[in-house]
Protein backbone atom coordinates (compact mmCIF):
# COMPACT_ATOMS: atom_id res chain seq x y z
CA MET A 1 -168.81 231.73 185.77
CA ALA A 2 -170.43 231.81 189.19
CA ASP A 3 -174.37 231.89 189.50
CA TRP A 4 -175.96 233.10 192.72
CA TYR A 5 -179.10 232.21 194.30
CA ASP A 6 -180.81 233.31 197.68
CA SER A 7 -181.96 229.67 198.45
CA ILE A 8 -181.68 225.98 197.85
CA ASP A 9 -183.89 224.77 194.95
CA ASP A 10 -184.64 221.35 193.76
CA THR A 11 -181.68 221.22 191.26
CA ARG A 12 -179.29 222.31 193.78
CA ARG A 13 -180.75 220.03 196.51
CA ALA A 14 -180.22 216.95 194.23
CA PHE A 15 -176.79 218.18 193.51
CA ILE A 16 -175.89 218.26 197.25
CA GLU A 17 -177.45 214.67 198.26
CA ARG A 18 -175.51 213.19 195.41
CA GLN A 19 -172.12 214.15 196.99
CA PRO A 20 -170.58 211.46 199.27
CA LEU A 21 -168.15 214.12 200.33
CA PHE A 22 -168.44 217.77 201.33
CA PHE A 23 -166.13 220.52 203.00
CA VAL A 24 -166.77 222.92 205.92
CA ALA A 25 -164.78 225.95 206.45
CA THR A 26 -164.86 228.22 209.55
CA ALA A 27 -162.58 230.70 211.01
CA SER A 28 -162.09 232.39 214.28
CA SER A 29 -162.74 235.94 214.91
CA ASP A 30 -159.27 236.39 215.86
CA PRO A 31 -157.20 237.64 213.54
CA ALA A 32 -154.41 235.58 214.80
CA GLY A 33 -156.67 232.57 215.03
CA THR A 34 -156.78 229.45 212.63
CA VAL A 35 -158.92 229.13 209.46
CA ASN A 36 -160.43 225.51 209.60
CA LEU A 37 -161.34 223.50 206.50
CA SER A 38 -162.77 219.95 207.22
CA PRO A 39 -163.79 217.25 205.01
CA LYS A 40 -166.78 215.38 205.92
CA GLY A 41 -167.67 212.09 204.74
CA GLN A 42 -169.50 208.81 206.30
CA THR A 43 -172.49 211.29 206.92
CA LEU A 44 -174.30 213.29 204.40
CA CYS A 45 -175.38 216.76 204.36
CA ARG A 46 -178.97 217.02 204.58
CA VAL A 47 -181.29 219.79 203.10
CA LEU A 48 -184.05 220.39 205.44
CA GLY A 49 -185.42 223.39 203.81
CA PRO A 50 -184.89 226.22 201.33
CA ASN A 51 -182.38 228.02 203.59
CA LEU A 52 -181.23 225.41 206.05
CA VAL A 53 -178.95 222.13 206.03
CA GLY A 54 -177.49 220.01 208.69
CA TRP A 55 -175.39 216.89 209.20
CA LEU A 56 -174.38 214.90 212.26
CA ASP A 57 -170.89 215.22 213.45
CA TYR A 58 -168.46 212.65 214.55
CA PRO A 59 -165.36 212.54 216.68
CA GLY A 60 -162.23 213.67 214.56
CA SER A 61 -159.23 215.65 215.00
CA GLY A 62 -160.71 218.41 217.04
CA ASN A 63 -163.87 220.17 217.34
CA GLU A 64 -162.75 223.62 215.56
CA THR A 65 -166.01 223.96 213.89
CA ALA A 66 -168.03 224.00 217.00
CA ALA A 67 -165.65 226.48 218.66
CA HIS A 68 -165.66 228.73 215.52
CA THR A 69 -169.56 228.92 215.20
CA ARG A 70 -169.89 229.54 218.94
CA ASP A 71 -167.30 232.51 218.23
CA ASN A 72 -168.82 234.13 215.16
CA SER A 73 -171.08 231.74 213.55
CA ARG A 74 -169.79 232.31 209.86
CA ILE A 75 -169.45 229.16 207.80
CA THR A 76 -169.18 228.09 204.24
CA VAL A 77 -169.92 224.49 203.09
CA MET A 78 -168.67 223.38 199.68
CA PHE A 79 -169.59 220.45 197.69
CA CYS A 80 -167.72 219.40 194.38
CA SER A 81 -168.64 216.90 192.02
CA PHE A 82 -166.05 214.28 191.14
CA ASP A 83 -168.06 212.41 188.79
CA ARG A 84 -168.63 212.78 185.04
CA THR A 85 -170.59 216.23 185.52
CA PRO A 86 -168.28 218.75 186.93
CA GLY A 87 -169.75 221.21 189.47
CA ILE A 88 -169.01 223.11 192.75
CA LEU A 89 -171.74 224.60 195.04
CA ARG A 90 -171.14 226.78 198.03
CA LEU A 91 -173.36 227.65 200.69
CA TYR A 92 -172.67 230.64 202.90
CA GLY A 93 -174.41 231.27 206.04
CA GLN A 94 -174.69 231.06 209.81
CA GLY A 95 -173.77 227.80 211.51
CA ARG A 96 -174.44 226.25 214.90
CA ALA A 97 -173.57 223.09 216.76
CA VAL A 98 -176.50 221.74 218.60
CA GLY A 99 -176.49 218.87 221.09
CA LEU A 100 -178.11 215.35 220.61
CA ASP A 101 -180.92 216.63 223.08
CA SER A 102 -181.70 219.57 220.80
CA PRO A 103 -185.28 219.97 220.08
CA GLU A 104 -184.13 221.39 216.63
CA LEU A 105 -182.41 217.87 216.10
CA ALA A 106 -185.36 216.02 217.22
CA ALA A 107 -187.57 217.97 214.72
CA HIS A 108 -185.48 216.68 212.04
CA ARG A 109 -184.79 213.38 213.27
CA LYS A 110 -186.38 211.79 210.25
CA ALA A 111 -183.73 213.09 207.88
CA PHE A 112 -181.00 211.77 209.77
CA GLU A 113 -182.18 208.28 210.48
CA ALA A 114 -179.67 206.91 208.00
CA ASP A 115 -176.85 208.48 209.74
CA PHE A 116 -177.45 207.76 213.45
CA HIS A 117 -174.61 206.05 214.97
CA PRO A 118 -173.58 205.37 218.55
CA TYR A 119 -170.45 207.59 218.38
CA VAL A 120 -172.17 210.69 217.16
CA ARG A 121 -170.87 213.86 218.98
CA GLN A 122 -173.43 216.52 217.98
CA ALA A 123 -175.23 217.82 214.82
CA PHE A 124 -174.53 221.07 213.05
CA PHE A 125 -177.31 223.44 211.21
CA VAL A 126 -176.44 225.89 208.83
CA ASP A 127 -178.94 228.98 208.13
CA VAL A 128 -178.02 229.31 204.54
CA ASP A 129 -177.95 233.26 203.29
CA ARG A 130 -176.53 232.68 199.91
CA VAL A 131 -175.82 229.73 197.40
CA GLN A 132 -173.25 229.71 194.63
CA THR A 133 -172.61 227.54 191.72
CA SER A 134 -169.46 227.56 189.60
CA CYS A 135 -168.35 225.21 186.81
CA GLY A 136 -165.94 222.85 188.52
CA TYR A 137 -163.99 222.22 185.55
CA ALA A 138 -160.61 221.86 187.24
CA VAL A 139 -161.93 219.30 189.74
CA PRO A 140 -160.57 216.06 188.97
CA LEU A 141 -162.52 213.11 187.99
CA MET A 142 -162.53 210.42 190.44
CA GLU A 143 -164.52 207.37 191.31
CA PHE A 144 -166.17 206.77 194.81
CA VAL A 145 -165.21 203.30 195.80
CA GLU A 146 -166.66 203.16 199.49
CA GLU A 147 -166.82 204.62 202.79
CA ARG A 148 -163.77 204.03 205.25
CA ASP A 149 -164.41 202.03 208.48
CA THR A 150 -161.28 203.60 210.12
CA LEU A 151 -163.44 206.18 212.22
CA ASP A 152 -165.78 203.23 213.16
CA ARG A 153 -162.95 201.09 214.60
CA TRP A 154 -161.08 204.13 216.11
CA CYS A 155 -164.38 204.98 218.08
CA GLU A 156 -165.07 201.44 219.15
CA ASN A 157 -161.50 200.93 220.49
CA ARG A 158 -161.57 204.28 222.44
CA LEU A 159 -165.23 205.38 223.22
CA GLN A 160 -168.19 203.98 224.93
CA PRO A 161 -171.08 203.51 222.28
CA ARG A 162 -174.18 205.51 223.41
CA ASP A 163 -177.69 204.08 223.37
CA VAL A 164 -179.88 204.96 220.68
CA VAL A 165 -183.22 206.02 222.27
CA ALA A 166 -186.32 206.97 220.25
CA GLY A 167 -184.21 206.94 217.08
CA LEU A 168 -181.55 209.58 218.43
CA PRO A 169 -178.21 208.85 220.24
CA ALA A 170 -178.51 209.30 223.91
CA PRO A 171 -177.43 212.82 224.84
CA GLY A 172 -174.41 213.72 227.11
CA PRO A 173 -170.82 213.70 226.42
CA LEU A 174 -169.08 211.01 224.58
CA LEU A 175 -167.14 208.74 227.12
CA ARG A 176 -163.92 207.13 226.66
CA ARG A 177 -163.68 203.21 227.58
CA ASP A 178 -162.37 204.35 230.87
CA GLY A 179 -165.19 206.53 231.77
CA SER A 180 -163.57 209.81 231.42
CA VAL A 181 -165.21 212.50 229.13
CA PHE A 182 -163.81 212.46 225.44
CA GLY A 183 -162.67 216.02 224.44
CA ALA A 184 -162.48 217.29 227.86
């Protein structure tokens, strides 16, 4: 049922870019450590090349993806089609978190312009080793209604917005309203 590819072709790119939600899985190299699986919405995964994808990351329930990729870089990104055409696509590769002042992020600024937000924490890039597709026949048919604004409101109430400079959020840590570093 599964098909394997060495890179992201135009068909798989179109599938990735149609999905309003994707999932990111990472694990600590410590056998007693956690496996983390995070849903990602509000920002899209961008295909930046045949073996490179990236997305902007917002504050949330933690920063395990960054910690895990610093530890061992292994990452799986999964997309599911919830519309009339079933399908699942997984990207296997090596991931890394990059700061907002990263030359790599600056080089791909245009791809992320629609997703820049004053509360972006960092970006992630994945060097894709393998692509797997499968049927998705068991994935339910669901309708996308709209993005939630809950995270935006949470950020507005707790964090200081970053300035956007030259099309990118200003680098440096996110600050709480009281001036202390968020996540410290």
